Amino acid sequence: GKKIAAAKDWTKKLEDVVANAPNWD
């Protein structure tokens, strides 16, 4: 999604992807 994709901090981006993983198919 746009919000997470915009993150420049790779560590923060990875944390957000992991946090949202159960919500995605």
mmCIF file of all heavy atoms, coordinates in Angstrom:
data_MODEL
# 
_entry.id   MODEL 
# 
loop_
_atom_site.group_PDB 
_atom_site.id 
_atom_site.type_symbol 
_atom_site.label_atom_id 
_atom_site.label_alt_id 
_atom_site.label_comp_id 
_atom_site.label_asym_id 
_atom_site.label_entity_id 
_atom_site.label_seq_id 
_atom_site.pdbx_PDB_ins_code 
_atom_site.Cartn_x 
_atom_site.Cartn_y 
_atom_site.Cartn_z 
_atom_site.occupancy 
_atom_site.B_iso_or_equiv 
_atom_site.pdbx_formal_charge 
_atom_site.auth_seq_id 
_atom_site.auth_comp_id 
_atom_site.auth_asym_id 
_atom_site.auth_atom_id 
_atom_site.pdbx_PDB_model_num 
ATOM 1   N N   . GLY A 1 1  ? 0.818  -1.197  0.000  1.00 0.00 ? 1  GLY A N   1 
ATOM 2   C CA  . GLY A 1 1  ? 0.000  0.000   0.000  1.00 0.00 ? 1  GLY A CA  1 
ATOM 3   C C   . GLY A 1 1  ? 0.857  1.253   0.000  1.00 0.00 ? 1  GLY A C   1 
ATOM 4   O O   . GLY A 1 1  ? 2.047  1.218   0.292  1.00 0.00 ? 1  GLY A O   1 
ATOM 5   N N   . LYS A 1 2  ? 0.231  2.367   -0.344 1.00 0.00 ? 2  LYS A N   1 
ATOM 6   C CA  . LYS A 1 2  ? 0.964  3.619   -0.548 1.00 0.00 ? 2  LYS A CA  1 
ATOM 7   C C   . LYS A 1 2  ? 1.717  4.093   0.691  1.00 0.00 ? 2  LYS A C   1 
ATOM 8   O O   . LYS A 1 2  ? 2.865  4.538   0.612  1.00 0.00 ? 2  LYS A O   1 
ATOM 9   C CB  . LYS A 1 2  ? 0.007  4.709   -1.016 1.00 0.00 ? 2  LYS A CB  1 
ATOM 10  C CG  . LYS A 1 2  ? -0.478 4.550   -2.446 1.00 0.00 ? 2  LYS A CG  1 
ATOM 11  C CD  . LYS A 1 2  ? -1.320 5.754   -2.857 1.00 0.00 ? 2  LYS A CD  1 
ATOM 12  C CE  . LYS A 1 2  ? -1.716 5.671   -4.327 1.00 0.00 ? 2  LYS A CE  1 
ATOM 13  N NZ  . LYS A 1 2  ? -2.502 6.852   -4.749 1.00 0.00 ? 2  LYS A NZ  1 
ATOM 14  N N   . LYS A 1 3  ? 1.057  4.017   1.857  1.00 0.00 ? 3  LYS A N   1 
ATOM 15  C CA  . LYS A 1 3  ? 1.663  4.568   3.069  1.00 0.00 ? 3  LYS A CA  1 
ATOM 16  C C   . LYS A 1 3  ? 2.943  3.836   3.435  1.00 0.00 ? 3  LYS A C   1 
ATOM 17  O O   . LYS A 1 3  ? 3.986  4.457   3.680  1.00 0.00 ? 3  LYS A O   1 
ATOM 18  C CB  . LYS A 1 3  ? 0.669  4.510   4.225  1.00 0.00 ? 3  LYS A CB  1 
ATOM 19  C CG  . LYS A 1 3  ? 1.195  5.153   5.502  1.00 0.00 ? 3  LYS A CG  1 
ATOM 20  C CD  . LYS A 1 3  ? 0.146  5.127   6.602  1.00 0.00 ? 3  LYS A CD  1 
ATOM 21  C CE  . LYS A 1 3  ? 0.692  5.765   7.882  1.00 0.00 ? 3  LYS A CE  1 
ATOM 22  N NZ  . LYS A 1 3  ? -0.309 5.739   8.984  1.00 0.00 ? 3  LYS A NZ  1 
ATOM 23  N N   . ILE A 1 4  ? 2.892  2.513   3.486  1.00 0.00 ? 4  ILE A N   1 
ATOM 24  C CA  . ILE A 1 4  ? 4.083  1.740   3.852  1.00 0.00 ? 4  ILE A CA  1 
ATOM 25  C C   . ILE A 1 4  ? 5.142  1.844   2.760  1.00 0.00 ? 4  ILE A C   1 
ATOM 26  O O   . ILE A 1 4  ? 6.337  1.953   3.046  1.00 0.00 ? 4  ILE A O   1 
ATOM 27  C CB  . ILE A 1 4  ? 3.714  0.264   4.113  1.00 0.00 ? 4  ILE A CB  1 
ATOM 28  C CG1 . ILE A 1 4  ? 2.752  0.163   5.297  1.00 0.00 ? 4  ILE A CG1 1 
ATOM 29  C CG2 . ILE A 1 4  ? 4.965  -0.569  4.379  1.00 0.00 ? 4  ILE A CG2 1 
ATOM 30  C CD1 . ILE A 1 4  ? 2.243  -1.242  5.561  1.00 0.00 ? 4  ILE A CD1 1 
ATOM 31  N N   . ALA A 1 5  ? 4.721  1.825   1.493  1.00 0.00 ? 5  ALA A N   1 
ATOM 32  C CA  . ALA A 1 5  ? 5.675  1.896   0.379  1.00 0.00 ? 5  ALA A CA  1 
ATOM 33  C C   . ALA A 1 5  ? 6.458  3.200   0.386  1.00 0.00 ? 5  ALA A C   1 
ATOM 34  O O   . ALA A 1 5  ? 7.587  3.263   -0.113 1.00 0.00 ? 5  ALA A O   1 
ATOM 35  C CB  . ALA A 1 5  ? 4.946  1.734   -0.951 1.00 0.00 ? 5  ALA A CB  1 
ATOM 36  N N   . ALA A 1 6  ? 5.883  4.259   0.954  1.00 0.00 ? 6  ALA A N   1 
ATOM 37  C CA  . ALA A 1 6  ? 6.551  5.561   0.954  1.00 0.00 ? 6  ALA A CA  1 
ATOM 38  C C   . ALA A 1 6  ? 7.679  5.640   1.979  1.00 0.00 ? 6  ALA A C   1 
ATOM 39  O O   . ALA A 1 6  ? 8.525  6.528   1.898  1.00 0.00 ? 6  ALA A O   1 
ATOM 40  C CB  . ALA A 1 6  ? 5.534  6.670   1.221  1.00 0.00 ? 6  ALA A CB  1 
ATOM 41  N N   . ALA A 1 7  ? 7.714  4.722   2.934  1.00 0.00 ? 7  ALA A N   1 
ATOM 42  C CA  . ALA A 1 7  ? 8.704  4.789   4.016  1.00 0.00 ? 7  ALA A CA  1 
ATOM 43  C C   . ALA A 1 7  ? 10.126 4.673   3.476  1.00 0.00 ? 7  ALA A C   1 
ATOM 44  O O   . ALA A 1 7  ? 10.433 3.778   2.688  1.00 0.00 ? 7  ALA A O   1 
ATOM 45  C CB  . ALA A 1 7  ? 8.436  3.683   5.030  1.00 0.00 ? 7  ALA A CB  1 
ATOM 46  N N   . LYS A 1 8  ? 10.986 5.577   3.926  1.00 0.00 ? 8  LYS A N   1 
ATOM 47  C CA  . LYS A 1 8  ? 12.392 5.527   3.513  1.00 0.00 ? 8  LYS A CA  1 
ATOM 48  C C   . LYS A 1 8  ? 13.220 4.649   4.448  1.00 0.00 ? 8  LYS A C   1 
ATOM 49  O O   . LYS A 1 8  ? 14.241 4.100   4.050  1.00 0.00 ? 8  LYS A O   1 
ATOM 50  C CB  . LYS A 1 8  ? 12.975 6.942   3.491  1.00 0.00 ? 8  LYS A CB  1 
ATOM 51  C CG  . LYS A 1 8  ? 12.442 7.809   2.362  1.00 0.00 ? 8  LYS A CG  1 
ATOM 52  C CD  . LYS A 1 8  ? 13.168 9.147   2.311  1.00 0.00 ? 8  LYS A CD  1 
ATOM 53  C CE  . LYS A 1 8  ? 12.691 9.975   1.126  1.00 0.00 ? 8  LYS A CE  1 
ATOM 54  N NZ  . LYS A 1 8  ? 13.380 11.276  1.033  1.00 0.00 ? 8  LYS A NZ  1 
ATOM 55  N N   . ASP A 1 9  ? 12.762 4.547   5.700  1.00 0.00 ? 9  ASP A N   1 
ATOM 56  C CA  . ASP A 1 9  ? 13.456 3.729   6.689  1.00 0.00 ? 9  ASP A CA  1 
ATOM 57  C C   . ASP A 1 9  ? 13.110 2.263   6.431  1.00 0.00 ? 9  ASP A C   1 
ATOM 58  O O   . ASP A 1 9  ? 11.992 1.819   6.679  1.00 0.00 ? 9  ASP A O   1 
ATOM 59  C CB  . ASP A 1 9  ? 13.011 4.147   8.091  1.00 0.00 ? 9  ASP A CB  1 
ATOM 60  C CG  . ASP A 1 9  ? 13.781 3.419   9.201  1.00 0.00 ? 9  ASP A CG  1 
ATOM 61  O OD1 . ASP A 1 9  ? 14.244 2.279   8.958  1.00 0.00 ? 9  ASP A OD1 1 
ATOM 62  O OD2 . ASP A 1 9  ? 13.913 3.973   10.297 1.00 0.00 ? 9  ASP A OD2 1 
ATOM 63  N N   . TRP A 1 10 ? 14.085 1.522   5.923  1.00 0.00 ? 10 TRP A N   1 
ATOM 64  C CA  . TRP A 1 10 ? 13.836 0.127   5.544  1.00 0.00 ? 10 TRP A CA  1 
ATOM 65  C C   . TRP A 1 10 ? 13.416 -0.718  6.748  1.00 0.00 ? 10 TRP A C   1 
ATOM 66  O O   . TRP A 1 10 ? 12.508 -1.544  6.649  1.00 0.00 ? 10 TRP A O   1 
ATOM 67  C CB  . TRP A 1 10 ? 15.097 -0.463  4.899  1.00 0.00 ? 10 TRP A CB  1 
ATOM 68  C CG  . TRP A 1 10 ? 15.015 -1.945  4.709  1.00 0.00 ? 10 TRP A CG  1 
ATOM 69  C CD1 . TRP A 1 10 ? 15.636 -2.904  5.456  1.00 0.00 ? 10 TRP A CD1 1 
ATOM 70  C CD2 . TRP A 1 10 ? 14.249 -2.657  3.734  1.00 0.00 ? 10 TRP A CD2 1 
ATOM 71  N NE1 . TRP A 1 10 ? 15.315 -4.153  5.007  1.00 0.00 ? 10 TRP A NE1 1 
ATOM 72  C CE2 . TRP A 1 10 ? 14.468 -4.031  3.943  1.00 0.00 ? 10 TRP A CE2 1 
ATOM 73  C CE3 . TRP A 1 10 ? 13.409 -2.262  2.707  1.00 0.00 ? 10 TRP A CE3 1 
ATOM 74  C CZ2 . TRP A 1 10 ? 13.885 -5.014  3.170  1.00 0.00 ? 10 TRP A CZ2 1 
ATOM 75  C CZ3 . TRP A 1 10 ? 12.820 -3.246  1.931  1.00 0.00 ? 10 TRP A CZ3 1 
ATOM 76  C CH2 . TRP A 1 10 ? 13.050 -4.595  2.154  1.00 0.00 ? 10 TRP A CH2 1 
ATOM 77  N N   . THR A 1 11 ? 14.040 -0.492  7.892  1.00 0.00 ? 11 THR A N   1 
ATOM 78  C CA  . THR A 1 11 ? 13.690 -1.262  9.091  1.00 0.00 ? 11 THR A CA  1 
ATOM 79  C C   . THR A 1 11 ? 12.237 -1.022  9.474  1.00 0.00 ? 11 THR A C   1 
ATOM 80  O O   . THR A 1 11 ? 11.502 -1.965  9.797  1.00 0.00 ? 11 THR A O   1 
ATOM 81  C CB  . THR A 1 11 ? 14.613 -0.870  10.263 1.00 0.00 ? 11 THR A CB  1 
ATOM 82  O OG1 . THR A 1 11 ? 15.978 -1.107  9.878  1.00 0.00 ? 11 THR A OG1 1 
ATOM 83  C CG2 . THR A 1 11 ? 14.297 -1.683  11.502 1.00 0.00 ? 11 THR A CG2 1 
ATOM 84  N N   . LYS A 1 12 ? 11.807 0.236   9.433  1.00 0.00 ? 12 LYS A N   1 
ATOM 85  C CA  . LYS A 1 12 ? 10.415 0.572   9.757  1.00 0.00 ? 12 LYS A CA  1 
ATOM 86  C C   . LYS A 1 12 ? 9.464  -0.036  8.727  1.00 0.00 ? 12 LYS A C   1 
ATOM 87  O O   . LYS A 1 12 ? 8.389  -0.555  9.074  1.00 0.00 ? 12 LYS A O   1 
ATOM 88  C CB  . LYS A 1 12 ? 10.254 2.093   9.783  1.00 0.00 ? 12 LYS A CB  1 
ATOM 89  C CG  . LYS A 1 12 ? 8.831  2.580   10.072 1.00 0.00 ? 12 LYS A CG  1 
ATOM 90  C CD  . LYS A 1 12 ? 8.394  2.209   11.484 1.00 0.00 ? 12 LYS A CD  1 
ATOM 91  C CE  . LYS A 1 12 ? 7.140  2.958   11.910 1.00 0.00 ? 12 LYS A CE  1 
ATOM 92  N NZ  . LYS A 1 12 ? 5.987  2.713   11.055 1.00 0.00 ? 12 LYS A NZ  1 
ATOM 93  N N   . LYS A 1 13 ? 9.832  0.020   7.460  1.00 0.00 ? 13 LYS A N   1 
ATOM 94  C CA  . LYS A 1 13 ? 9.004  -0.566  6.415  1.00 0.00 ? 13 LYS A CA  1 
ATOM 95  C C   . LYS A 1 13 ? 8.818  -2.063  6.652  1.00 0.00 ? 13 LYS A C   1 
ATOM 96  O O   . LYS A 1 13 ? 7.706  -2.602  6.546  1.00 0.00 ? 13 LYS A O   1 
ATOM 97  C CB  . LYS A 1 13 ? 9.618  -0.331  5.030  1.00 0.00 ? 13 LYS A CB  1 
ATOM 98  C CG  . LYS A 1 13 ? 8.839  -0.964  3.886  1.00 0.00 ? 13 LYS A CG  1 
ATOM 99  C CD  . LYS A 1 13 ? 9.540  -0.789  2.556  1.00 0.00 ? 13 LYS A CD  1 
ATOM 100 C CE  . LYS A 1 13 ? 9.452  0.625   2.055  1.00 0.00 ? 13 LYS A CE  1 
ATOM 101 N NZ  . LYS A 1 13 ? 9.972  0.770   0.667  1.00 0.00 ? 13 LYS A NZ  1 
ATOM 102 N N   . LEU A 1 14 ? 9.907  -2.736  6.981  1.00 0.00 ? 14 LEU A N   1 
ATOM 103 C CA  . LEU A 1 14 ? 9.852  -4.172  7.223  1.00 0.00 ? 14 LEU A CA  1 
ATOM 104 C C   . LEU A 1 14 ? 8.961  -4.485  8.431  1.00 0.00 ? 14 LEU A C   1 
ATOM 105 O O   . LEU A 1 14 ? 8.165  -5.432  8.395  1.00 0.00 ? 14 LEU A O   1 
ATOM 106 C CB  . LEU A 1 14 ? 11.268 -4.708  7.453  1.00 0.00 ? 14 LEU A CB  1 
ATOM 107 C CG  . LEU A 1 14 ? 11.514 -6.203  7.219  1.00 0.00 ? 14 LEU A CG  1 
ATOM 108 C CD1 . LEU A 1 14 ? 11.082 -6.611  5.821  1.00 0.00 ? 14 LEU A CD1 1 
ATOM 109 C CD2 . LEU A 1 14 ? 12.990 -6.517  7.428  1.00 0.00 ? 14 LEU A CD2 1 
ATOM 110 N N   . GLU A 1 15 ? 9.076  -3.684  9.474  1.00 0.00 ? 15 GLU A N   1 
ATOM 111 C CA  . GLU A 1 15 ? 8.231  -3.873  10.661 1.00 0.00 ? 15 GLU A CA  1 
ATOM 112 C C   . GLU A 1 15 ? 6.749  -3.722  10.305 1.00 0.00 ? 15 GLU A C   1 
ATOM 113 O O   . GLU A 1 15 ? 5.904  -4.494  10.781 1.00 0.00 ? 15 GLU A O   1 
ATOM 114 C CB  . GLU A 1 15 ? 8.609  -2.855  11.740 1.00 0.00 ? 15 GLU A CB  1 
ATOM 115 C CG  . GLU A 1 15 ? 9.957  -3.117  12.401 1.00 0.00 ? 15 GLU A CG  1 
ATOM 116 C CD  . GLU A 1 15 ? 10.347 -2.015  13.360 1.00 0.00 ? 15 GLU A CD  1 
ATOM 117 O OE1 . GLU A 1 15 ? 9.606  -1.001  13.446 1.00 0.00 ? 15 GLU A OE1 1 
ATOM 118 O OE2 . GLU A 1 15 ? 11.383 -2.154  14.027 1.00 0.00 ? 15 GLU A OE2 1 
ATOM 119 N N   . ASP A 1 16 ? 6.434  -2.734  9.461  1.00 0.00 ? 16 ASP A N   1 
ATOM 120 C CA  . ASP A 1 16 ? 5.040  -2.504  9.076  1.00 0.00 ? 16 ASP A CA  1 
ATOM 121 C C   . ASP A 1 16 ? 4.503  -3.639  8.207  1.00 0.00 ? 16 ASP A C   1 
ATOM 122 O O   . ASP A 1 16 ? 3.332  -4.030  8.322  1.00 0.00 ? 16 ASP A O   1 
ATOM 123 C CB  . ASP A 1 16 ? 4.915  -1.174  8.329  1.00 0.00 ? 16 ASP A CB  1 
ATOM 124 C CG  . ASP A 1 16 ? 5.101  0.031   9.245  1.00 0.00 ? 16 ASP A CG  1 
ATOM 125 O OD1 . ASP A 1 16 ? 4.976  -0.145  10.471 1.00 0.00 ? 16 ASP A OD1 1 
ATOM 126 O OD2 . ASP A 1 16 ? 5.376  1.139   8.736  1.00 0.00 ? 16 ASP A OD2 1 
ATOM 127 N N   . VAL A 1 17 ? 5.349  -4.166  7.320  1.00 0.00 ? 17 VAL A N   1 
ATOM 128 C CA  . VAL A 1 17 ? 4.936  -5.304  6.496  1.00 0.00 ? 17 VAL A CA  1 
ATOM 129 C C   . VAL A 1 17 ? 4.644  -6.511  7.380  1.00 0.00 ? 17 VAL A C   1 
ATOM 130 O O   . VAL A 1 17 ? 3.622  -7.187  7.215  1.00 0.00 ? 17 VAL A O   1 
ATOM 131 C CB  . VAL A 1 17 ? 6.027  -5.645  5.447  1.00 0.00 ? 17 VAL A CB  1 
ATOM 132 C CG1 . VAL A 1 17 ? 5.718  -6.981  4.760  1.00 0.00 ? 17 VAL A CG1 1 
ATOM 133 C CG2 . VAL A 1 17 ? 6.141  -4.545  4.399  1.00 0.00 ? 17 VAL A CG2 1 
ATOM 134 N N   . VAL A 1 18 ? 5.532  -6.784  8.328  1.00 0.00 ? 18 VAL A N   1 
ATOM 135 C CA  . VAL A 1 18 ? 5.342  -7.914  9.230  1.00 0.00 ? 18 VAL A CA  1 
ATOM 136 C C   . VAL A 1 18 ? 4.066  -7.728  10.054 1.00 0.00 ? 18 VAL A C   1 
ATOM 137 O O   . VAL A 1 18 ? 3.281  -8.669  10.237 1.00 0.00 ? 18 VAL A O   1 
ATOM 138 C CB  . VAL A 1 18 ? 6.572  -8.074  10.162 1.00 0.00 ? 18 VAL A CB  1 
ATOM 139 C CG1 . VAL A 1 18 ? 6.305  -9.139  11.225 1.00 0.00 ? 18 VAL A CG1 1 
ATOM 140 C CG2 . VAL A 1 18 ? 7.812  -8.444  9.349  1.00 0.00 ? 18 VAL A CG2 1 
ATOM 141 N N   . ALA A 1 19 ? 3.836  -6.517  10.536 1.00 0.00 ? 19 ALA A N   1 
ATOM 142 C CA  . ALA A 1 19 ? 2.648  -6.245  11.351 1.00 0.00 ? 19 ALA A CA  1 
ATOM 143 C C   . ALA A 1 19 ? 1.352  -6.459  10.572 1.00 0.00 ? 19 ALA A C   1 
ATOM 144 O O   . ALA A 1 19 ? 0.332  -6.892  11.135 1.00 0.00 ? 19 ALA A O   1 
ATOM 145 C CB  . ALA A 1 19 ? 2.702  -4.822  11.895 1.00 0.00 ? 19 ALA A CB  1 
ATOM 146 N N   . ASN A 1 20 ? 1.368  -6.160  9.271  1.00 0.00 ? 20 ASN A N   1 
ATOM 147 C CA  . ASN A 1 20 ? 0.172  -6.268  8.449  1.00 0.00 ? 20 ASN A CA  1 
ATOM 148 C C   . ASN A 1 20 ? 0.014  -7.620  7.764  1.00 0.00 ? 20 ASN A C   1 
ATOM 149 O O   . ASN A 1 20 ? -1.011 -7.876  7.127  1.00 0.00 ? 20 ASN A O   1 
ATOM 150 C CB  . ASN A 1 20 ? 0.168  -5.163  7.387  1.00 0.00 ? 20 ASN A CB  1 
ATOM 151 C CG  . ASN A 1 20 ? -0.226 -3.818  7.950  1.00 0.00 ? 20 ASN A CG  1 
ATOM 152 O OD1 . ASN A 1 20 ? -1.401 -3.497  8.060  1.00 0.00 ? 20 ASN A OD1 1 
ATOM 153 N ND2 . ASN A 1 20 ? 0.771  -3.027  8.333  1.00 0.00 ? 20 ASN A ND2 1 
ATOM 154 N N   . ALA A 1 21 ? 1.014  -8.467  7.863  1.00 0.00 ? 21 ALA A N   1 
ATOM 155 C CA  . ALA A 1 21 ? 1.007  -9.751  7.148  1.00 0.00 ? 21 ALA A CA  1 
ATOM 156 C C   . ALA A 1 21 ? -0.267 -10.565 7.342  1.00 0.00 ? 21 ALA A C   1 
ATOM 157 O O   . ALA A 1 21 ? -0.793 -11.131 6.381  1.00 0.00 ? 21 ALA A O   1 
ATOM 158 C CB  . ALA A 1 21 ? 2.244  -10.574 7.534  1.00 0.00 ? 21 ALA A CB  1 
ATOM 159 N N   . PRO A 1 22 ? -0.833 -10.651 8.558  1.00 0.00 ? 22 PRO A N   1 
ATOM 160 C CA  . PRO A 1 22 ? -2.047 -11.462 8.722  1.00 0.00 ? 22 PRO A CA  1 
ATOM 161 C C   . PRO A 1 22 ? -3.271 -10.887 8.007  1.00 0.00 ? 22 PRO A C   1 
ATOM 162 O O   . PRO A 1 22 ? -4.249 -11.618 7.782  1.00 0.00 ? 22 PRO A O   1 
ATOM 163 C CB  . PRO A 1 22 ? -2.267 -11.447 10.251 1.00 0.00 ? 22 PRO A CB  1 
ATOM 164 C CG  . PRO A 1 22 ? -0.949 -11.081 10.839 1.00 0.00 ? 22 PRO A CG  1 
ATOM 165 C CD  . PRO A 1 22 ? -0.322 -10.156 9.844  1.00 0.00 ? 22 PRO A CD  1 
ATOM 166 N N   . ASN A 1 23 ? -3.224 -9.612  7.656  1.00 0.00 ? 23 ASN A N   1 
ATOM 167 C CA  . ASN A 1 23 ? -4.371 -8.965  7.015  1.00 0.00 ? 23 ASN A CA  1 
ATOM 168 C C   . ASN A 1 23 ? -4.386 -9.150  5.502  1.00 0.00 ? 23 ASN A C   1 
ATOM 169 O O   . ASN A 1 23 ? -5.351 -8.745  4.847  1.00 0.00 ? 23 ASN A O   1 
ATOM 170 C CB  . ASN A 1 23 ? -4.370 -7.467  7.330  1.00 0.00 ? 23 ASN A CB  1 
ATOM 171 C CG  . ASN A 1 23 ? -4.337 -7.184  8.818  1.00 0.00 ? 23 ASN A CG  1 
ATOM 172 O OD1 . ASN A 1 23 ? -4.967 -7.901  9.596  1.00 0.00 ? 23 ASN A OD1 1 
ATOM 173 N ND2 . ASN A 1 23 ? -3.601 -6.159  9.223  1.00 0.00 ? 23 ASN A ND2 1 
ATOM 174 N N   . TRP A 1 24 ? -3.317 -9.704  4.955  1.00 0.00 ? 24 TRP A N   1 
ATOM 175 C CA  . TRP A 1 24 ? -3.185 -9.805  3.501  1.00 0.00 ? 24 TRP A CA  1 
ATOM 176 C C   . TRP A 1 24 ? -3.283 -11.255 3.036  1.00 0.00 ? 24 TRP A C   1 
ATOM 177 O O   . TRP A 1 24 ? -2.849 -12.177 3.731  1.00 0.00 ? 24 TRP A O   1 
ATOM 178 C CB  . TRP A 1 24 ? -1.837 -9.235  3.043  1.00 0.00 ? 24 TRP A CB  1 
ATOM 179 C CG  . TRP A 1 24 ? -1.612 -7.793  3.388  1.00 0.00 ? 24 TRP A CG  1 
ATOM 180 C CD1 . TRP A 1 24 ? -2.560 -6.840  3.578  1.00 0.00 ? 24 TRP A CD1 1 
ATOM 181 C CD2 . TRP A 1 24 ? -0.344 -7.161  3.587  1.00 0.00 ? 24 TRP A CD2 1 
ATOM 182 N NE1 . TRP A 1 24 ? -1.979 -5.630  3.876  1.00 0.00 ? 24 TRP A NE1 1 
ATOM 183 C CE2 . TRP A 1 24 ? -0.610 -5.799  3.892  1.00 0.00 ? 24 TRP A CE2 1 
ATOM 184 C CE3 . TRP A 1 24 ? 0.975  -7.584  3.531  1.00 0.00 ? 24 TRP A CE3 1 
ATOM 185 C CZ2 . TRP A 1 24 ? 0.406  -4.874  4.130  1.00 0.00 ? 24 TRP A CZ2 1 
ATOM 186 C CZ3 . TRP A 1 24 ? 1.988  -6.670  3.771  1.00 0.00 ? 24 TRP A CZ3 1 
ATOM 187 C CH2 . TRP A 1 24 ? 1.701  -5.331  4.071  1.00 0.00 ? 24 TRP A CH2 1 
ATOM 188 N N   . ASP A 1 25 ? -3.826 -11.418 1.846  1.00 0.00 ? 25 ASP A N   1 
ATOM 189 C CA  . ASP A 1 25 ? -3.859 -12.724 1.185  1.00 0.00 ? 25 ASP A CA  1 
ATOM 190 C C   . ASP A 1 25 ? -2.945 -12.619 -0.028 1.00 0.00 ? 25 ASP A C   1 
ATOM 191 O O   . ASP A 1 25 ? -3.353 -12.184 -1.104 1.00 0.00 ? 25 ASP A O   1 
ATOM 192 C CB  . ASP A 1 25 ? -5.293 -13.065 0.774  1.00 0.00 ? 25 ASP A CB  1 
ATOM 193 C CG  . ASP A 1 25 ? -5.399 -14.473 0.183  1.00 0.00 ? 25 ASP A CG  1 
ATOM 194 O OD1 . ASP A 1 25 ? -4.372 -15.188 0.163  1.00 0.00 ? 25 ASP A OD1 1 
ATOM 195 O OD2 . ASP A 1 25 ? -6.503 -14.849 -0.256 1.00 0.00 ? 25 ASP A OD2 1 
# 
